[in-house]
């Protein structure tokens, strides 16, 4: 699952980016509104975390342009302006959530998870594919009642497929959700991670099927 973090404070952006990567997110970082606008035109994101006080193009202008263009990506505003008028302006401008600085990373992660569930029309956070269970509240997988141990990239692959369970996901789309722009990955890299996840699902009733020329699908094997 890939997140775009738009924050002009380089130190804060680096800290947030590191924390989110440790939480198994792929993260692209933009330090001004112009770079963020470019990234939003060429890539898809699960969530955008947006500071309002940005150079070149301010956050509110970027947000309004995003919505006018029909882009419905969930947006969480980060700002030092915690006033009621500031929150109202941000939400009326098209934001989905609002978090005032300073904040705890655990709260930001909880808000991200909630927006992702809402975006996938999941009233409850749990997704079951046979004996594979994904808990959207904790973003943890269990297999036959035991915690499924995954590397960050393996987790990203399985999470994206779980959120699209029963639907074909193109290889390029899956790759984009797993790797950020700064990650060095060739065209076959995603195949390696899919193969590794398949090995960990062996013997279970959950299966990653390859649909030739189309992509991958997570489904019940029965």
N, C-alpha and C. Protein backbone atom coordinates (compact mmCIF):
# COMPACT_ATOMS: atom_id res chain seq x y z
N UNK A 1 0.85 -1.18 0.00
CA UNK A 1 0.00 0.00 0.00
C UNK A 1 0.89 1.24 0.00
N UNK A 2 0.67 2.14 -0.96
CA UNK A 2 1.57 3.28 -1.12
C UNK A 2 0.91 4.58 -0.69
N UNK A 3 1.70 5.38 0.02
CA UNK A 3 1.25 6.66 0.56
C UNK A 3 2.10 7.78 -0.02
N UNK A 4 1.47 8.91 -0.31
CA UNK A 4 2.20 10.11 -0.69
C UNK A 4 2.21 11.05 0.51
N UNK A 5 3.41 11.38 0.97
CA UNK A 5 3.59 12.32 2.08
C UNK A 5 4.08 13.64 1.51
N UNK A 6 3.31 14.70 1.73
CA UNK A 6 3.67 16.03 1.22
C UNK A 6 3.94 16.93 2.41
N UNK A 7 5.21 17.20 2.65
CA UNK A 7 5.62 17.93 3.86
C UNK A 7 6.91 18.68 3.54
N UNK A 8 6.93 20.01 3.76
CA UNK A 8 8.11 20.80 3.41
C UNK A 8 9.19 20.77 4.49
N UNK A 9 8.85 20.35 5.69
CA UNK A 9 9.84 20.20 6.75
C UNK A 9 10.59 18.88 6.51
N UNK A 10 11.83 18.98 6.03
CA UNK A 10 12.57 17.78 5.62
C UNK A 10 12.79 16.82 6.79
N UNK A 11 13.07 17.35 7.96
CA UNK A 11 13.31 16.50 9.13
C UNK A 11 12.04 15.74 9.51
N UNK A 12 10.91 16.44 9.56
CA UNK A 12 9.64 15.78 9.89
C UNK A 12 9.26 14.78 8.81
N UNK A 13 9.47 15.14 7.54
CA UNK A 13 9.13 14.23 6.44
C UNK A 13 9.96 12.95 6.52
N UNK A 14 11.25 13.09 6.82
CA UNK A 14 12.12 11.91 6.92
C UNK A 14 11.68 11.01 8.07
N UNK A 15 11.33 11.62 9.22
CA UNK A 15 10.89 10.85 10.37
C UNK A 15 9.57 10.13 10.09
N UNK A 16 8.63 10.86 9.51
CA UNK A 16 7.34 10.25 9.19
C UNK A 16 7.49 9.16 8.14
N UNK A 17 8.28 9.43 7.12
CA UNK A 17 8.49 8.44 6.07
C UNK A 17 9.08 7.16 6.62
N UNK A 18 10.06 7.28 7.51
CA UNK A 18 10.67 6.11 8.13
C UNK A 18 9.67 5.33 8.97
N UNK A 19 8.87 6.06 9.76
CA UNK A 19 7.87 5.40 10.62
C UNK A 19 6.83 4.66 9.79
N UNK A 20 6.39 5.26 8.70
CA UNK A 20 5.38 4.62 7.86
C UNK A 20 5.94 3.41 7.11
N UNK A 21 7.20 3.50 6.71
CA UNK A 21 7.83 2.34 6.06
C UNK A 21 7.97 1.19 7.05
N UNK A 22 8.28 1.50 8.30
CA UNK A 22 8.37 0.46 9.33
C UNK A 22 7.01 -0.18 9.59
N UNK A 23 5.93 0.56 9.25
CA UNK A 23 4.57 0.04 9.41
C UNK A 23 4.08 -0.65 8.12
N UNK A 24 5.03 -0.98 7.24
CA UNK A 24 4.74 -1.74 6.01
C UNK A 24 3.99 -0.95 4.94
N UNK A 25 4.24 0.35 4.89
CA UNK A 25 3.73 1.16 3.78
C UNK A 25 4.89 1.51 2.85
N UNK A 26 4.60 1.59 1.55
CA UNK A 26 5.53 2.20 0.61
C UNK A 26 5.24 3.70 0.64
N UNK A 27 6.28 4.52 0.66
CA UNK A 27 6.09 5.96 0.85
C UNK A 27 6.86 6.75 -0.20
N UNK A 28 6.17 7.65 -0.89
CA UNK A 28 6.81 8.66 -1.71
C UNK A 28 6.71 9.99 -0.96
N UNK A 29 7.75 10.80 -1.02
CA UNK A 29 7.78 12.07 -0.30
C UNK A 29 7.97 13.22 -1.27
N UNK A 30 7.14 14.25 -1.14
CA UNK A 30 7.29 15.49 -1.90
C UNK A 30 7.41 16.63 -0.89
N UNK A 31 8.31 17.58 -1.17
CA UNK A 31 8.54 18.68 -0.24
C UNK A 31 7.89 19.99 -0.68
N UNK A 32 7.21 19.97 -1.82
CA UNK A 32 6.47 21.16 -2.24
C UNK A 32 5.26 20.74 -3.06
N UNK A 33 4.33 21.67 -3.24
CA UNK A 33 3.08 21.35 -3.92
C UNK A 33 3.25 21.02 -5.39
N UNK A 34 4.25 21.60 -6.01
CA UNK A 34 4.48 21.34 -7.44
C UNK A 34 4.91 19.90 -7.68
N UNK A 35 5.89 19.42 -6.89
CA UNK A 35 6.33 18.03 -7.02
C UNK A 35 5.20 17.07 -6.67
N UNK A 36 4.42 17.41 -5.65
CA UNK A 36 3.29 16.55 -5.27
C UNK A 36 2.27 16.45 -6.40
N UNK A 37 1.99 17.58 -7.05
CA UNK A 37 1.04 17.57 -8.15
C UNK A 37 1.51 16.68 -9.28
N UNK A 38 2.81 16.68 -9.55
CA UNK A 38 3.36 15.81 -10.60
C UNK A 38 3.20 14.35 -10.23
N UNK A 39 3.55 14.01 -8.98
CA UNK A 39 3.44 12.62 -8.54
C UNK A 39 1.99 12.13 -8.61
N UNK A 40 1.06 12.98 -8.26
CA UNK A 40 -0.35 12.59 -8.26
C UNK A 40 -0.89 12.36 -9.67
N UNK A 41 -0.20 12.91 -10.66
CA UNK A 41 -0.61 12.71 -12.05
C UNK A 41 -0.08 11.41 -12.64
N UNK A 42 1.03 10.92 -12.09
CA UNK A 42 1.68 9.75 -12.68
C UNK A 42 1.58 8.48 -11.83
N UNK A 43 1.08 8.58 -10.61
CA UNK A 43 1.00 7.41 -9.73
C UNK A 43 -0.31 7.42 -8.95
N UNK A 44 -0.70 6.22 -8.48
CA UNK A 44 -1.89 6.08 -7.65
C UNK A 44 -1.46 5.81 -6.21
N UNK A 45 -2.18 6.43 -5.29
CA UNK A 45 -1.86 6.28 -3.87
C UNK A 45 -3.09 5.85 -3.10
N UNK A 46 -2.85 5.10 -2.02
CA UNK A 46 -3.95 4.69 -1.15
C UNK A 46 -4.42 5.87 -0.31
N UNK A 47 -3.46 6.71 0.11
CA UNK A 47 -3.75 7.87 0.95
C UNK A 47 -2.70 8.95 0.67
N UNK A 48 -3.13 10.22 0.74
CA UNK A 48 -2.21 11.35 0.67
C UNK A 48 -2.22 12.04 2.04
N UNK A 49 -1.02 12.25 2.60
CA UNK A 49 -0.87 13.01 3.83
C UNK A 49 -0.32 14.37 3.44
N UNK A 50 -1.10 15.42 3.68
CA UNK A 50 -0.83 16.71 3.07
C UNK A 50 -0.68 17.83 4.09
N UNK A 51 0.50 18.46 4.09
CA UNK A 51 0.69 19.68 4.87
C UNK A 51 0.11 20.84 4.06
N UNK A 52 -0.41 21.85 4.74
CA UNK A 52 -1.01 22.98 4.02
C UNK A 52 0.00 24.08 3.68
N UNK A 53 1.00 24.26 4.53
CA UNK A 53 1.97 25.34 4.33
C UNK A 53 3.13 24.83 3.46
N UNK A 54 2.92 24.85 2.14
CA UNK A 54 3.91 24.32 1.21
C UNK A 54 4.44 25.41 0.29
N UNK A 55 5.70 25.29 -0.14
CA UNK A 55 6.21 26.22 -1.15
C UNK A 55 5.68 25.88 -2.54
N UNK A 56 5.79 26.85 -3.44
CA UNK A 56 5.41 26.74 -4.86
C UNK A 56 3.90 26.67 -5.03
N UNK A 57 3.27 25.61 -4.56
CA UNK A 57 1.80 25.50 -4.57
C UNK A 57 1.37 25.10 -3.16
N UNK A 58 0.53 25.91 -2.53
CA UNK A 58 0.14 25.59 -1.15
C UNK A 58 -0.79 24.39 -1.12
N UNK A 59 -0.90 23.78 0.05
CA UNK A 59 -1.66 22.55 0.18
C UNK A 59 -3.12 22.67 -0.16
N UNK A 60 -3.75 23.77 0.21
CA UNK A 60 -5.17 23.94 -0.08
C UNK A 60 -5.42 24.06 -1.58
N UNK A 61 -4.56 24.78 -2.27
CA UNK A 61 -4.68 24.91 -3.73
C UNK A 61 -4.49 23.55 -4.40
N UNK A 62 -3.50 22.81 -3.91
CA UNK A 62 -3.25 21.46 -4.46
C UNK A 62 -4.46 20.56 -4.24
N UNK A 63 -5.03 20.60 -3.04
CA UNK A 63 -6.18 19.77 -2.71
C UNK A 63 -7.39 20.12 -3.58
N UNK A 64 -7.68 21.40 -3.72
CA UNK A 64 -8.83 21.81 -4.54
C UNK A 64 -8.64 21.40 -6.00
N UNK A 65 -7.42 21.54 -6.51
CA UNK A 65 -7.14 21.13 -7.88
C UNK A 65 -7.31 19.63 -8.07
N UNK A 66 -6.91 18.89 -7.05
CA UNK A 66 -7.04 17.43 -7.08
C UNK A 66 -8.50 17.03 -7.19
N UNK A 67 -9.34 17.65 -6.37
CA UNK A 67 -10.76 17.31 -6.39
C UNK A 67 -11.45 17.79 -7.67
N UNK A 68 -11.07 18.95 -8.16
CA UNK A 68 -11.65 19.46 -9.40
C UNK A 68 -11.32 18.56 -10.58
N UNK A 69 -10.16 17.89 -10.49
CA UNK A 69 -9.75 16.96 -11.55
C UNK A 69 -10.43 15.60 -11.41
N UNK A 70 -11.23 15.42 -10.36
CA UNK A 70 -11.96 14.17 -10.17
C UNK A 70 -11.18 13.11 -9.43
N UNK A 71 -10.02 13.45 -8.87
CA UNK A 71 -9.22 12.48 -8.11
C UNK A 71 -9.81 12.35 -6.71
N UNK A 72 -10.23 11.14 -6.35
CA UNK A 72 -10.91 10.90 -5.08
C UNK A 72 -10.01 10.26 -4.02
N UNK A 73 -8.70 10.28 -4.24
CA UNK A 73 -7.78 9.68 -3.26
C UNK A 73 -8.03 10.29 -1.88
N UNK A 74 -8.09 9.46 -0.83
CA UNK A 74 -8.29 10.00 0.52
C UNK A 74 -7.13 10.91 0.92
N UNK A 75 -7.46 12.04 1.53
CA UNK A 75 -6.45 13.02 1.93
C UNK A 75 -6.59 13.33 3.42
N UNK A 76 -5.46 13.20 4.13
CA UNK A 76 -5.39 13.62 5.53
C UNK A 76 -4.55 14.89 5.58
N UNK A 77 -5.12 15.95 6.10
CA UNK A 77 -4.39 17.21 6.23
C UNK A 77 -3.60 17.21 7.54
N UNK A 78 -2.34 17.60 7.44
CA UNK A 78 -1.51 17.85 8.61
C UNK A 78 -1.24 19.34 8.67
N UNK A 79 -1.50 19.97 9.78
CA UNK A 79 -1.26 21.40 9.88
C UNK A 79 -1.11 21.83 11.33
N UNK A 80 -0.39 22.92 11.51
CA UNK A 80 -0.26 23.49 12.85
C UNK A 80 -1.47 24.33 13.22
N UNK A 81 -2.35 24.60 12.25
CA UNK A 81 -3.55 25.40 12.49
C UNK A 81 -4.67 24.50 12.99
N UNK A 82 -4.85 24.45 14.29
CA UNK A 82 -5.85 23.56 14.88
C UNK A 82 -7.17 24.27 15.16
N UNK A 83 -7.34 25.48 14.62
CA UNK A 83 -8.57 26.23 14.88
C UNK A 83 -9.76 25.59 14.19
N UNK A 84 -10.94 25.89 14.69
CA UNK A 84 -12.16 25.37 14.07
C UNK A 84 -12.28 25.84 12.63
N UNK A 85 -12.01 27.10 12.38
CA UNK A 85 -12.09 27.63 11.01
C UNK A 85 -11.12 26.90 10.08
N UNK A 86 -9.93 26.59 10.60
CA UNK A 86 -8.94 25.88 9.79
C UNK A 86 -9.40 24.48 9.45
N UNK A 87 -9.98 23.79 10.42
CA UNK A 87 -10.47 22.43 10.17
C UNK A 87 -11.62 22.44 9.18
N UNK A 88 -12.54 23.38 9.35
CA UNK A 88 -13.69 23.48 8.46
C UNK A 88 -13.23 23.77 7.03
N UNK A 89 -12.29 24.70 6.89
CA UNK A 89 -11.79 25.06 5.56
C UNK A 89 -11.15 23.86 4.87
N UNK A 90 -10.38 23.10 5.63
CA UNK A 90 -9.73 21.93 5.05
C UNK A 90 -10.73 20.87 4.62
N UNK A 91 -11.70 20.58 5.46
CA UNK A 91 -12.70 19.57 5.12
C UNK A 91 -13.58 20.04 3.97
N UNK A 92 -13.95 21.31 3.97
CA UNK A 92 -14.75 21.84 2.87
C UNK A 92 -13.96 21.87 1.57
N UNK A 93 -12.64 21.95 1.69
CA UNK A 93 -11.80 21.97 0.49
C UNK A 93 -11.62 20.61 -0.14
N UNK A 94 -12.11 19.56 0.52
CA UNK A 94 -12.04 18.22 -0.07
C UNK A 94 -11.24 17.22 0.73
N UNK A 95 -10.74 17.61 1.91
CA UNK A 95 -10.00 16.66 2.74
C UNK A 95 -10.95 15.65 3.37
N UNK A 96 -10.43 14.47 3.67
CA UNK A 96 -11.22 13.42 4.31
C UNK A 96 -11.01 13.37 5.81
N UNK A 97 -9.86 13.88 6.25
CA UNK A 97 -9.55 13.89 7.68
C UNK A 97 -8.55 14.99 7.96
N UNK A 98 -8.35 15.28 9.24
CA UNK A 98 -7.59 16.44 9.65
C UNK A 98 -6.84 16.08 10.92
N UNK A 99 -5.53 16.33 10.93
CA UNK A 99 -4.74 16.02 12.11
C UNK A 99 -3.82 17.19 12.41
N UNK A 100 -3.96 17.75 13.61
CA UNK A 100 -3.17 18.92 13.98
C UNK A 100 -1.82 18.50 14.55
N UNK A 101 -0.78 19.24 14.20
CA UNK A 101 0.54 19.02 14.76
C UNK A 101 0.62 19.66 16.15
N UNK A 102 1.36 19.06 17.08
CA UNK A 102 2.02 17.75 16.99
C UNK A 102 1.02 16.61 17.17
N UNK A 103 1.37 15.44 16.72
CA UNK A 103 0.47 14.28 16.81
C UNK A 103 1.29 13.03 17.08
N UNK A 104 0.60 11.98 17.47
CA UNK A 104 1.25 10.69 17.70
C UNK A 104 1.15 9.86 16.43
N UNK A 105 2.23 9.16 16.07
CA UNK A 105 2.23 8.36 14.84
C UNK A 105 1.16 7.28 14.89
N UNK A 106 0.85 6.76 16.09
CA UNK A 106 -0.18 5.73 16.22
C UNK A 106 -1.54 6.26 15.79
N UNK A 107 -1.82 7.51 16.11
CA UNK A 107 -3.10 8.10 15.70
C UNK A 107 -3.15 8.28 14.19
N UNK A 108 -2.05 8.73 13.60
CA UNK A 108 -2.00 8.89 12.14
C UNK A 108 -2.22 7.55 11.46
N UNK A 109 -1.57 6.50 11.94
CA UNK A 109 -1.73 5.18 11.34
C UNK A 109 -3.18 4.70 11.46
N UNK A 110 -3.82 4.95 12.59
CA UNK A 110 -5.22 4.55 12.78
C UNK A 110 -6.12 5.27 11.79
N UNK A 111 -5.87 6.55 11.57
CA UNK A 111 -6.67 7.31 10.61
C UNK A 111 -6.44 6.82 9.18
N UNK A 112 -5.21 6.44 8.86
CA UNK A 112 -4.93 5.87 7.54
C UNK A 112 -5.72 4.59 7.34
N UNK A 113 -5.67 3.71 8.35
CA UNK A 113 -6.39 2.43 8.24
C UNK A 113 -7.89 2.66 8.07
N UNK A 114 -8.44 3.61 8.78
CA UNK A 114 -9.88 3.89 8.69
C UNK A 114 -10.25 4.38 7.29
N UNK A 115 -9.42 5.25 6.72
CA UNK A 115 -9.71 5.77 5.38
C UNK A 115 -9.59 4.67 4.33
N UNK A 116 -8.62 3.78 4.50
CA UNK A 116 -8.47 2.68 3.55
C UNK A 116 -9.68 1.75 3.61
N UNK A 117 -10.14 1.44 4.82
CA UNK A 117 -11.33 0.60 4.95
C UNK A 117 -12.54 1.26 4.29
N UNK A 118 -12.69 2.56 4.53
CA UNK A 118 -13.82 3.29 3.94
C UNK A 118 -13.72 3.27 2.41
N UNK A 119 -12.51 3.43 1.90
CA UNK A 119 -12.32 3.46 0.46
C UNK A 119 -12.63 2.13 -0.21
N UNK A 120 -12.50 1.04 0.57
CA UNK A 120 -12.79 -0.29 0.02
C UNK A 120 -14.15 -0.80 0.48
N UNK A 121 -14.97 0.11 1.01
CA UNK A 121 -16.33 -0.24 1.45
C UNK A 121 -16.34 -1.40 2.43
N UNK A 122 -15.42 -1.37 3.39
CA UNK A 122 -15.35 -2.42 4.40
C UNK A 122 -15.96 -1.91 5.70
N UNK A 123 -17.17 -2.36 5.99
CA UNK A 123 -17.83 -1.93 7.22
C UNK A 123 -17.11 -2.51 8.44
N UNK A 124 -16.60 -3.73 8.28
CA UNK A 124 -15.82 -4.36 9.34
C UNK A 124 -14.39 -4.52 8.83
N UNK A 125 -13.42 -4.47 9.74
CA UNK A 125 -12.03 -4.50 9.30
C UNK A 125 -11.51 -5.87 8.92
N UNK A 126 -12.27 -6.94 9.14
CA UNK A 126 -11.74 -8.28 8.92
C UNK A 126 -12.13 -8.82 7.54
N UNK A 127 -11.15 -9.38 6.85
CA UNK A 127 -11.36 -10.00 5.53
C UNK A 127 -10.90 -11.45 5.65
N UNK A 128 -11.76 -12.38 5.27
CA UNK A 128 -11.43 -13.80 5.34
C UNK A 128 -11.37 -14.39 3.94
N UNK A 129 -10.25 -15.07 3.65
CA UNK A 129 -10.10 -15.82 2.40
C UNK A 129 -9.75 -17.24 2.82
N UNK A 130 -10.77 -18.07 2.99
CA UNK A 130 -10.53 -19.39 3.54
C UNK A 130 -9.97 -19.27 4.94
N UNK A 131 -8.84 -19.93 5.20
CA UNK A 131 -8.25 -19.87 6.54
C UNK A 131 -7.23 -18.74 6.68
N UNK A 132 -7.17 -17.87 5.68
CA UNK A 132 -6.34 -16.67 5.76
C UNK A 132 -7.22 -15.50 6.20
N UNK A 133 -6.84 -14.85 7.29
CA UNK A 133 -7.60 -13.73 7.83
C UNK A 133 -6.73 -12.47 7.83
N UNK A 134 -7.29 -11.39 7.29
CA UNK A 134 -6.63 -10.09 7.35
C UNK A 134 -7.44 -9.18 8.25
N UNK A 135 -6.80 -8.68 9.30
CA UNK A 135 -7.45 -7.76 10.24
C UNK A 135 -7.06 -6.34 9.83
N UNK A 136 -8.00 -5.61 9.25
CA UNK A 136 -7.73 -4.25 8.81
C UNK A 136 -7.48 -3.29 9.94
N UNK A 137 -7.88 -3.66 11.16
CA UNK A 137 -7.64 -2.81 12.31
C UNK A 137 -6.19 -2.80 12.72
N UNK A 138 -5.55 -3.97 12.62
CA UNK A 138 -4.14 -4.09 13.00
C UNK A 138 -3.23 -4.27 11.80
N UNK A 139 -3.81 -4.55 10.64
CA UNK A 139 -3.09 -4.84 9.40
C UNK A 139 -2.22 -6.10 9.55
N UNK A 140 -2.71 -7.05 10.33
CA UNK A 140 -1.99 -8.30 10.53
C UNK A 140 -2.73 -9.45 9.84
N UNK A 141 -1.96 -10.43 9.38
CA UNK A 141 -2.52 -11.64 8.77
C UNK A 141 -2.36 -12.81 9.72
N UNK A 142 -3.37 -13.67 9.75
CA UNK A 142 -3.24 -14.95 10.43
C UNK A 142 -3.61 -16.04 9.43
N UNK A 143 -2.97 -17.17 9.56
CA UNK A 143 -3.23 -18.31 8.68
C UNK A 143 -3.48 -19.52 9.56
N UNK A 144 -4.69 -20.09 9.46
CA UNK A 144 -5.10 -21.21 10.30
C UNK A 144 -4.91 -20.88 11.78
N UNK A 145 -5.20 -19.63 12.13
CA UNK A 145 -5.15 -19.21 13.53
C UNK A 145 -3.78 -18.77 14.02
N UNK A 146 -2.75 -18.89 13.18
CA UNK A 146 -1.39 -18.50 13.57
C UNK A 146 -0.97 -17.24 12.82
N UNK A 147 -0.19 -16.40 13.47
CA UNK A 147 0.30 -15.19 12.83
C UNK A 147 1.15 -15.55 11.62
N UNK A 148 0.85 -14.92 10.49
CA UNK A 148 1.61 -15.17 9.27
C UNK A 148 2.77 -14.18 9.24
N UNK A 149 3.98 -14.69 9.27
CA UNK A 149 5.18 -13.84 9.29
C UNK A 149 5.55 -13.47 7.86
N UNK A 150 5.58 -12.16 7.61
CA UNK A 150 5.86 -11.65 6.27
C UNK A 150 6.90 -10.54 6.34
N UNK A 151 7.72 -10.43 5.32
CA UNK A 151 8.60 -9.27 5.20
C UNK A 151 7.73 -8.07 4.80
N UNK A 152 8.24 -6.84 4.93
CA UNK A 152 7.45 -5.67 4.54
C UNK A 152 6.93 -5.74 3.10
N UNK A 153 7.76 -6.16 2.16
CA UNK A 153 7.31 -6.24 0.76
C UNK A 153 6.29 -7.36 0.56
N UNK A 154 6.51 -8.49 1.20
CA UNK A 154 5.53 -9.58 1.12
C UNK A 154 4.20 -9.13 1.71
N UNK A 155 4.26 -8.42 2.82
CA UNK A 155 3.05 -7.90 3.45
C UNK A 155 2.33 -6.96 2.50
N UNK A 156 3.07 -6.09 1.84
CA UNK A 156 2.46 -5.12 0.92
C UNK A 156 1.74 -5.83 -0.23
N UNK A 157 2.36 -6.88 -0.76
CA UNK A 157 1.74 -7.66 -1.84
C UNK A 157 0.44 -8.29 -1.37
N UNK A 158 0.50 -8.99 -0.25
CA UNK A 158 -0.68 -9.72 0.22
C UNK A 158 -1.78 -8.76 0.67
N UNK A 159 -1.40 -7.65 1.28
CA UNK A 159 -2.41 -6.68 1.72
C UNK A 159 -3.17 -6.10 0.53
N UNK A 160 -2.44 -5.72 -0.52
CA UNK A 160 -3.10 -5.15 -1.69
C UNK A 160 -4.06 -6.18 -2.31
N UNK A 161 -3.61 -7.42 -2.43
CA UNK A 161 -4.47 -8.46 -3.01
C UNK A 161 -5.67 -8.76 -2.11
N UNK A 162 -5.46 -8.72 -0.79
CA UNK A 162 -6.56 -8.98 0.15
C UNK A 162 -7.63 -7.90 0.04
N UNK A 163 -7.21 -6.65 -0.10
CA UNK A 163 -8.17 -5.56 -0.20
C UNK A 163 -8.93 -5.60 -1.53
N UNK A 164 -8.37 -6.33 -2.49
CA UNK A 164 -9.02 -6.50 -3.80
C UNK A 164 -9.45 -7.95 -4.00
N UNK A 165 -9.69 -8.67 -2.91
CA UNK A 165 -9.96 -10.10 -2.99
C UNK A 165 -11.05 -10.42 -4.03
N UNK A 166 -10.79 -11.44 -4.83
CA UNK A 166 -11.73 -11.85 -5.87
C UNK A 166 -11.67 -11.00 -7.12
N UNK A 167 -10.77 -10.02 -7.14
CA UNK A 167 -10.63 -9.12 -8.28
C UNK A 167 -9.23 -9.26 -8.86
N UNK A 168 -9.13 -9.19 -10.18
CA UNK A 168 -7.82 -9.27 -10.82
C UNK A 168 -7.07 -7.95 -10.65
N UNK A 169 -5.83 -8.06 -10.19
CA UNK A 169 -4.96 -6.90 -10.02
C UNK A 169 -3.83 -6.99 -11.03
N UNK A 170 -3.71 -6.00 -11.89
CA UNK A 170 -2.66 -5.99 -12.89
C UNK A 170 -1.29 -5.99 -12.24
N UNK A 171 -0.33 -6.65 -12.89
CA UNK A 171 1.03 -6.71 -12.34
C UNK A 171 1.60 -5.31 -12.11
N UNK A 172 1.38 -4.41 -13.06
CA UNK A 172 1.90 -3.04 -12.93
C UNK A 172 1.27 -2.33 -11.75
N UNK A 173 -0.02 -2.54 -11.53
CA UNK A 173 -0.72 -1.91 -10.41
C UNK A 173 -0.19 -2.44 -9.09
N UNK A 174 0.01 -3.74 -9.01
CA UNK A 174 0.53 -4.35 -7.78
C UNK A 174 1.95 -3.85 -7.51
N UNK A 175 2.76 -3.79 -8.55
CA UNK A 175 4.13 -3.31 -8.40
C UNK A 175 4.16 -1.87 -7.91
N UNK A 176 3.28 -1.04 -8.45
CA UNK A 176 3.23 0.36 -8.06
C UNK A 176 2.83 0.54 -6.60
N UNK A 177 1.99 -0.38 -6.11
CA UNK A 177 1.54 -0.28 -4.72
C UNK A 177 2.60 -0.73 -3.73
N UNK A 178 3.59 -1.48 -4.22
CA UNK A 178 4.62 -2.06 -3.35
C UNK A 178 5.91 -1.25 -3.35
N UNK A 179 6.24 -0.67 -4.50
CA UNK A 179 7.51 0.05 -4.63
C UNK A 179 7.29 1.55 -4.77
N UNK A 180 8.07 2.33 -4.04
CA UNK A 180 8.06 3.78 -4.20
C UNK A 180 8.95 4.19 -5.35
N UNK A 181 8.91 5.47 -5.72
CA UNK A 181 9.72 5.96 -6.83
C UNK A 181 11.21 5.82 -6.55
N UNK A 182 11.60 5.86 -5.29
CA UNK A 182 13.02 5.78 -4.95
C UNK A 182 13.52 4.35 -4.81
N UNK A 183 12.63 3.38 -4.94
CA UNK A 183 13.03 1.98 -4.81
C UNK A 183 13.58 1.47 -6.14
N UNK A 184 14.68 0.77 -6.07
CA UNK A 184 15.26 0.17 -7.28
C UNK A 184 14.60 -1.20 -7.48
N UNK A 185 13.77 -1.31 -8.49
CA UNK A 185 13.06 -2.57 -8.75
C UNK A 185 12.88 -2.75 -10.25
N UNK A 186 13.28 -3.91 -10.75
CA UNK A 186 13.07 -4.17 -12.18
C UNK A 186 11.70 -4.79 -12.39
N UNK A 187 11.37 -5.04 -13.66
CA UNK A 187 10.01 -5.48 -14.00
C UNK A 187 9.66 -6.83 -13.38
N UNK A 188 10.65 -7.65 -13.10
CA UNK A 188 10.37 -8.99 -12.57
C UNK A 188 10.33 -9.04 -11.05
N UNK A 189 10.63 -7.92 -10.39
CA UNK A 189 10.72 -7.93 -8.93
C UNK A 189 9.42 -8.35 -8.28
N UNK A 190 8.30 -7.87 -8.79
CA UNK A 190 7.01 -8.19 -8.17
C UNK A 190 6.72 -9.68 -8.26
N UNK A 191 7.20 -10.34 -9.33
CA UNK A 191 6.99 -11.77 -9.48
C UNK A 191 7.71 -12.53 -8.37
N UNK A 192 8.86 -12.04 -7.97
CA UNK A 192 9.62 -12.68 -6.90
C UNK A 192 8.84 -12.63 -5.59
N UNK A 193 8.27 -11.47 -5.28
CA UNK A 193 7.53 -11.34 -4.02
C UNK A 193 6.23 -12.13 -4.04
N UNK A 194 5.56 -12.17 -5.18
CA UNK A 194 4.36 -12.99 -5.30
C UNK A 194 4.71 -14.46 -5.07
N UNK A 195 5.82 -14.89 -5.65
CA UNK A 195 6.26 -16.28 -5.47
C UNK A 195 6.52 -16.59 -4.00
N UNK A 196 7.17 -15.65 -3.30
CA UNK A 196 7.48 -15.87 -1.88
C UNK A 196 6.21 -15.95 -1.04
N UNK A 197 5.23 -15.10 -1.34
CA UNK A 197 3.96 -15.15 -0.60
C UNK A 197 3.24 -16.45 -0.88
N UNK A 198 3.26 -16.89 -2.13
CA UNK A 198 2.63 -18.17 -2.48
C UNK A 198 3.22 -19.31 -1.64
N UNK A 199 4.53 -19.30 -1.49
CA UNK A 199 5.19 -20.36 -0.71
C UNK A 199 4.67 -20.37 0.72
N UNK A 200 4.41 -19.18 1.27
CA UNK A 200 3.94 -19.09 2.65
C UNK A 200 2.46 -19.46 2.79
N UNK A 201 1.74 -19.45 1.67
CA UNK A 201 0.33 -19.83 1.70
C UNK A 201 0.11 -21.30 1.32
N UNK A 202 1.18 -22.00 0.98
CA UNK A 202 1.06 -23.40 0.57
C UNK A 202 0.37 -24.24 1.65
N UNK A 203 -0.55 -25.09 1.19
CA UNK A 203 -1.28 -25.95 2.11
C UNK A 203 -2.51 -25.30 2.71
N UNK A 204 -2.72 -24.01 2.43
CA UNK A 204 -3.90 -23.32 2.96
C UNK A 204 -5.00 -23.28 1.91
N UNK A 205 -6.14 -22.72 2.29
CA UNK A 205 -7.26 -22.61 1.34
C UNK A 205 -7.28 -21.25 0.65
N UNK A 206 -6.21 -20.46 0.82
CA UNK A 206 -6.07 -19.18 0.12
C UNK A 206 -5.05 -19.35 -0.99
N UNK A 207 -5.34 -18.76 -2.12
CA UNK A 207 -4.50 -18.98 -3.30
C UNK A 207 -4.33 -17.68 -4.08
N UNK A 208 -3.10 -17.43 -4.54
CA UNK A 208 -2.86 -16.33 -5.47
C UNK A 208 -2.79 -16.93 -6.86
N UNK A 209 -3.80 -16.64 -7.65
CA UNK A 209 -3.87 -17.18 -9.01
C UNK A 209 -3.27 -16.17 -9.99
N UNK A 210 -2.59 -16.69 -11.00
CA UNK A 210 -2.07 -15.86 -12.09
C UNK A 210 -3.02 -15.97 -13.27
N UNK A 211 -3.51 -14.84 -13.72
CA UNK A 211 -4.36 -14.80 -14.91
C UNK A 211 -3.50 -14.24 -16.04
N UNK A 212 -3.10 -15.10 -16.94
CA UNK A 212 -2.15 -14.75 -17.98
C UNK A 212 -2.56 -13.49 -18.74
N UNK A 213 -1.64 -12.55 -18.78
CA UNK A 213 -1.88 -11.31 -19.50
C UNK A 213 -2.73 -10.31 -18.76
N UNK A 214 -3.25 -10.71 -17.58
CA UNK A 214 -4.13 -9.82 -16.82
C UNK A 214 -3.53 -9.42 -15.47
N UNK A 215 -3.04 -10.40 -14.72
CA UNK A 215 -2.46 -10.08 -13.42
C UNK A 215 -2.67 -11.18 -12.42
N UNK A 216 -2.91 -10.80 -11.16
CA UNK A 216 -3.04 -11.75 -10.06
C UNK A 216 -4.37 -11.57 -9.33
N UNK A 217 -4.83 -12.69 -8.74
CA UNK A 217 -6.06 -12.64 -7.94
C UNK A 217 -5.91 -13.49 -6.69
N UNK A 218 -6.24 -12.92 -5.55
CA UNK A 218 -6.29 -13.70 -4.31
C UNK A 218 -7.69 -14.26 -4.18
N UNK A 219 -7.80 -15.57 -3.97
CA UNK A 219 -9.12 -16.21 -3.92
C UNK A 219 -9.08 -17.45 -3.05
N UNK A 220 -10.27 -17.94 -2.72
CA UNK A 220 -10.41 -19.19 -1.99
C UNK A 220 -10.06 -20.33 -2.94
N UNK A 221 -9.22 -21.24 -2.49
CA UNK A 221 -8.74 -22.30 -3.37
C UNK A 221 -9.75 -23.43 -3.53
N UNK A 222 -10.78 -23.45 -2.69
CA UNK A 222 -11.72 -24.55 -2.72
C UNK A 222 -12.69 -24.51 -3.88
